[in-house]
Amino acid sequence: MPIRSIFQDVERARSRIENLSVDELAGELERDPDLLLIDIRELQERVDLGTIPGARHVPRGMLEFWADPDSRYFRDFFREDRRTVLFCAAGGRSALATETLLDMGFTNVAHLASGFAGWQDAGRTVEDVSATSRWVRREHAGGGPS
């Protein structure tokens, strides 16, 4: 049997979830101070490119574990009815992750359809994560990365 394209799964997920534009997300961020904005990209993506201001980093590989109150990894910023918006680089991973949260029982979730790239392309503010991250690659005294 041939391997099914992941892009079919992404399109199926997008048809089942709420897809926000950059302007819609920006408006929600202005109106709702309790909105939970989740950046599911890899740590190095955040460090290299920055993030949307106020976004919490939840690595895609830990999302379900951090969101499940029965998990020893649970993070209490997750609440099943809290408005939660996820984003990744271009909207594929976050579409699948949003669908997963809905399947888990979360009731008020969406994702940024164009991803972080869309946010940047729209000229929106980007937080420089490398300025504060302890995970940034730094030069050592002898030159080159340490």
Protein backbone atom coordinates (compact mmCIF):
# COMPACT_ATOMS: atom_id res chain seq x y z
CA MET A 1 0.00 0.00 0.00
CA PRO A 2 1.45 3.44 -0.91
CA ILE A 3 2.19 5.94 1.81
CA ARG A 4 -0.59 8.50 2.21
CA SER A 5 0.55 12.08 1.77
CA ILE A 6 0.71 14.06 4.99
CA PHE A 7 -0.68 17.01 3.05
CA GLN A 8 -3.97 15.15 2.67
CA ASP A 9 -4.12 14.88 6.46
CA VAL A 10 -3.31 18.58 6.84
CA GLU A 11 -6.09 19.54 4.42
CA ARG A 12 -8.54 17.25 6.20
CA ALA A 13 -7.58 18.80 9.53
CA ARG A 14 -7.99 22.33 8.13
CA SER A 15 -11.51 21.47 7.03
CA ARG A 16 -12.41 20.45 10.62
CA ILE A 17 -10.81 23.28 12.60
CA GLU A 18 -10.93 27.06 12.91
CA ASN A 19 -8.34 28.70 10.67
CA LEU A 20 -7.37 32.27 11.60
CA SER A 21 -5.79 34.90 9.39
CA VAL A 22 -2.99 37.09 10.71
CA ASP A 23 -5.40 40.00 11.15
CA GLU A 24 -7.93 37.83 12.98
CA LEU A 25 -5.25 36.58 15.38
CA ALA A 26 -3.93 40.10 15.95
CA GLY A 27 -7.45 41.26 16.78
CA GLU A 28 -8.01 38.41 19.21
CA LEU A 29 -4.69 39.14 20.93
CA GLU A 30 -5.75 42.77 21.42
CA ARG A 31 -9.20 41.86 22.79
CA ASP A 32 -8.45 38.82 24.94
CA PRO A 33 -5.62 39.09 27.49
CA ASP A 34 -6.29 35.47 28.57
CA LEU A 35 -5.77 34.02 25.09
CA LEU A 36 -3.20 31.23 25.17
CA LEU A 37 -0.93 31.51 22.14
CA ILE A 38 1.14 28.38 21.57
CA ASP A 39 4.25 28.18 19.37
CA ILE A 40 4.73 24.49 18.54
CA ARG A 41 7.83 24.92 16.39
CA GLU A 42 11.15 23.38 17.30
CA LEU A 43 13.25 25.33 19.79
CA GLN A 44 15.88 26.21 17.19
CA GLU A 45 13.22 27.69 14.89
CA ARG A 46 12.20 30.05 17.70
CA VAL A 47 15.78 30.99 18.52
CA ASP A 48 16.76 31.55 14.88
CA LEU A 49 13.61 33.35 13.69
CA GLY A 50 11.90 34.74 16.78
CA THR A 51 8.27 34.29 17.77
CA ILE A 52 4.98 36.12 18.08
CA PRO A 53 5.13 38.26 21.24
CA GLY A 54 3.48 36.56 24.21
CA ALA A 55 3.58 33.06 22.71
CA ARG A 56 4.41 30.13 24.96
CA HIS A 57 6.66 27.45 23.57
CA VAL A 58 5.13 23.99 23.64
CA PRO A 59 7.18 21.60 21.50
CA ARG A 60 4.93 19.64 19.15
CA GLY A 61 6.26 16.38 20.55
CA MET A 62 5.07 17.29 24.07
CA LEU A 63 1.74 18.98 23.29
CA GLU A 64 -0.57 16.14 24.27
CA PHE A 65 1.43 15.38 27.42
CA TRP A 66 1.52 19.00 28.57
CA ALA A 67 -2.21 19.48 27.79
CA ASP A 68 -3.46 16.33 29.58
CA PRO A 69 -4.31 16.96 33.27
CA ASP A 70 -3.66 13.26 33.99
CA SER A 71 -0.12 13.45 32.64
CA ARG A 72 2.83 13.98 34.96
CA TYR A 73 4.01 16.54 32.38
CA PHE A 74 0.80 18.62 32.57
CA ARG A 75 1.18 22.41 32.39
CA ASP A 76 -1.57 24.29 34.19
CA PHE A 77 -1.81 27.05 31.57
CA PHE A 78 -3.86 24.55 29.54
CA ARG A 79 -7.58 24.68 30.30
CA GLU A 80 -10.16 22.88 28.16
CA ASP A 81 -12.32 25.98 27.59
CA ARG A 82 -9.57 28.63 27.41
CA ARG A 83 -9.18 30.25 24.00
CA THR A 84 -6.06 28.63 22.62
CA VAL A 85 -4.41 29.42 19.28
CA LEU A 86 -1.53 27.40 17.92
CA PHE A 87 0.99 28.21 15.23
CA CYS A 88 3.97 26.63 13.52
CA ALA A 89 6.12 27.79 10.61
CA ALA A 90 3.56 27.58 7.78
CA GLY A 91 0.35 26.13 9.26
CA GLY A 92 0.71 22.40 8.66
CA ARG A 93 1.88 21.15 12.03
CA SER A 94 -0.43 23.53 13.85
CA ALA A 95 -3.46 22.34 11.87
CA LEU A 96 -2.76 18.76 12.96
CA ALA A 97 -2.03 19.86 16.54
CA THR A 98 -5.25 21.89 16.72
CA GLU A 99 -7.23 18.88 15.54
CA THR A 100 -5.52 16.80 18.22
CA LEU A 101 -6.54 19.22 20.98
CA LEU A 102 -10.13 19.14 19.72
CA ASP A 103 -10.01 15.34 19.77
CA MET A 104 -8.73 15.51 23.37
CA GLY A 105 -11.77 17.56 24.41
CA PHE A 106 -10.57 21.15 24.18
CA THR A 107 -13.46 23.30 23.01
CA ASN A 108 -12.05 26.70 22.00
CA VAL A 109 -8.99 26.13 19.82
CA ALA A 110 -7.81 27.46 16.47
CA HIS A 111 -4.60 27.90 14.55
CA LEU A 112 -2.87 30.59 12.52
CA ALA A 113 -3.46 29.29 8.99
CA SER A 114 -0.42 30.99 7.43
CA GLY A 115 1.83 30.21 10.39
CA PHE A 116 4.70 32.29 11.66
CA ALA A 117 5.81 32.96 8.06
CA GLY A 118 2.47 34.67 7.41
CA TRP A 119 2.86 36.74 10.58
CA GLN A 120 6.32 37.88 9.45
CA ASP A 121 5.21 38.52 5.86
CA ALA A 122 2.43 40.77 7.19
CA GLY A 123 5.06 42.90 8.93
CA ARG A 124 3.81 42.09 12.43
CA THR A 125 6.02 42.44 15.50
CA VAL A 126 8.40 39.55 16.16
CA GLU A 127 10.00 38.85 19.52
CA ASP A 128 13.76 38.18 19.38
CA VAL A 129 14.07 34.91 21.27
CA SER A 130 17.83 34.71 20.78
CA ALA A 131 18.27 37.76 23.02
CA THR A 132 16.95 35.88 26.06
CA SER A 133 17.27 32.18 25.28
CA ARG A 134 19.88 30.17 27.09
CA TRP A 135 19.84 27.82 24.09
CA VAL A 136 21.22 30.26 21.55
CA ARG A 137 24.51 29.36 19.90
CA ARG A 138 27.16 31.69 21.30
CA GLU A 139 30.69 32.34 20.17
CA HIS A 140 33.37 31.32 22.64
CA ALA A 141 36.65 33.15 23.24
CA GLY A 142 38.57 31.04 20.70
CA GLY A 143 36.14 31.91 17.88
CA GLY A 144 33.43 29.70 16.47
CA PRO A 145 30.53 28.12 18.31
CA SER A 146 31.14 26.66 21.74
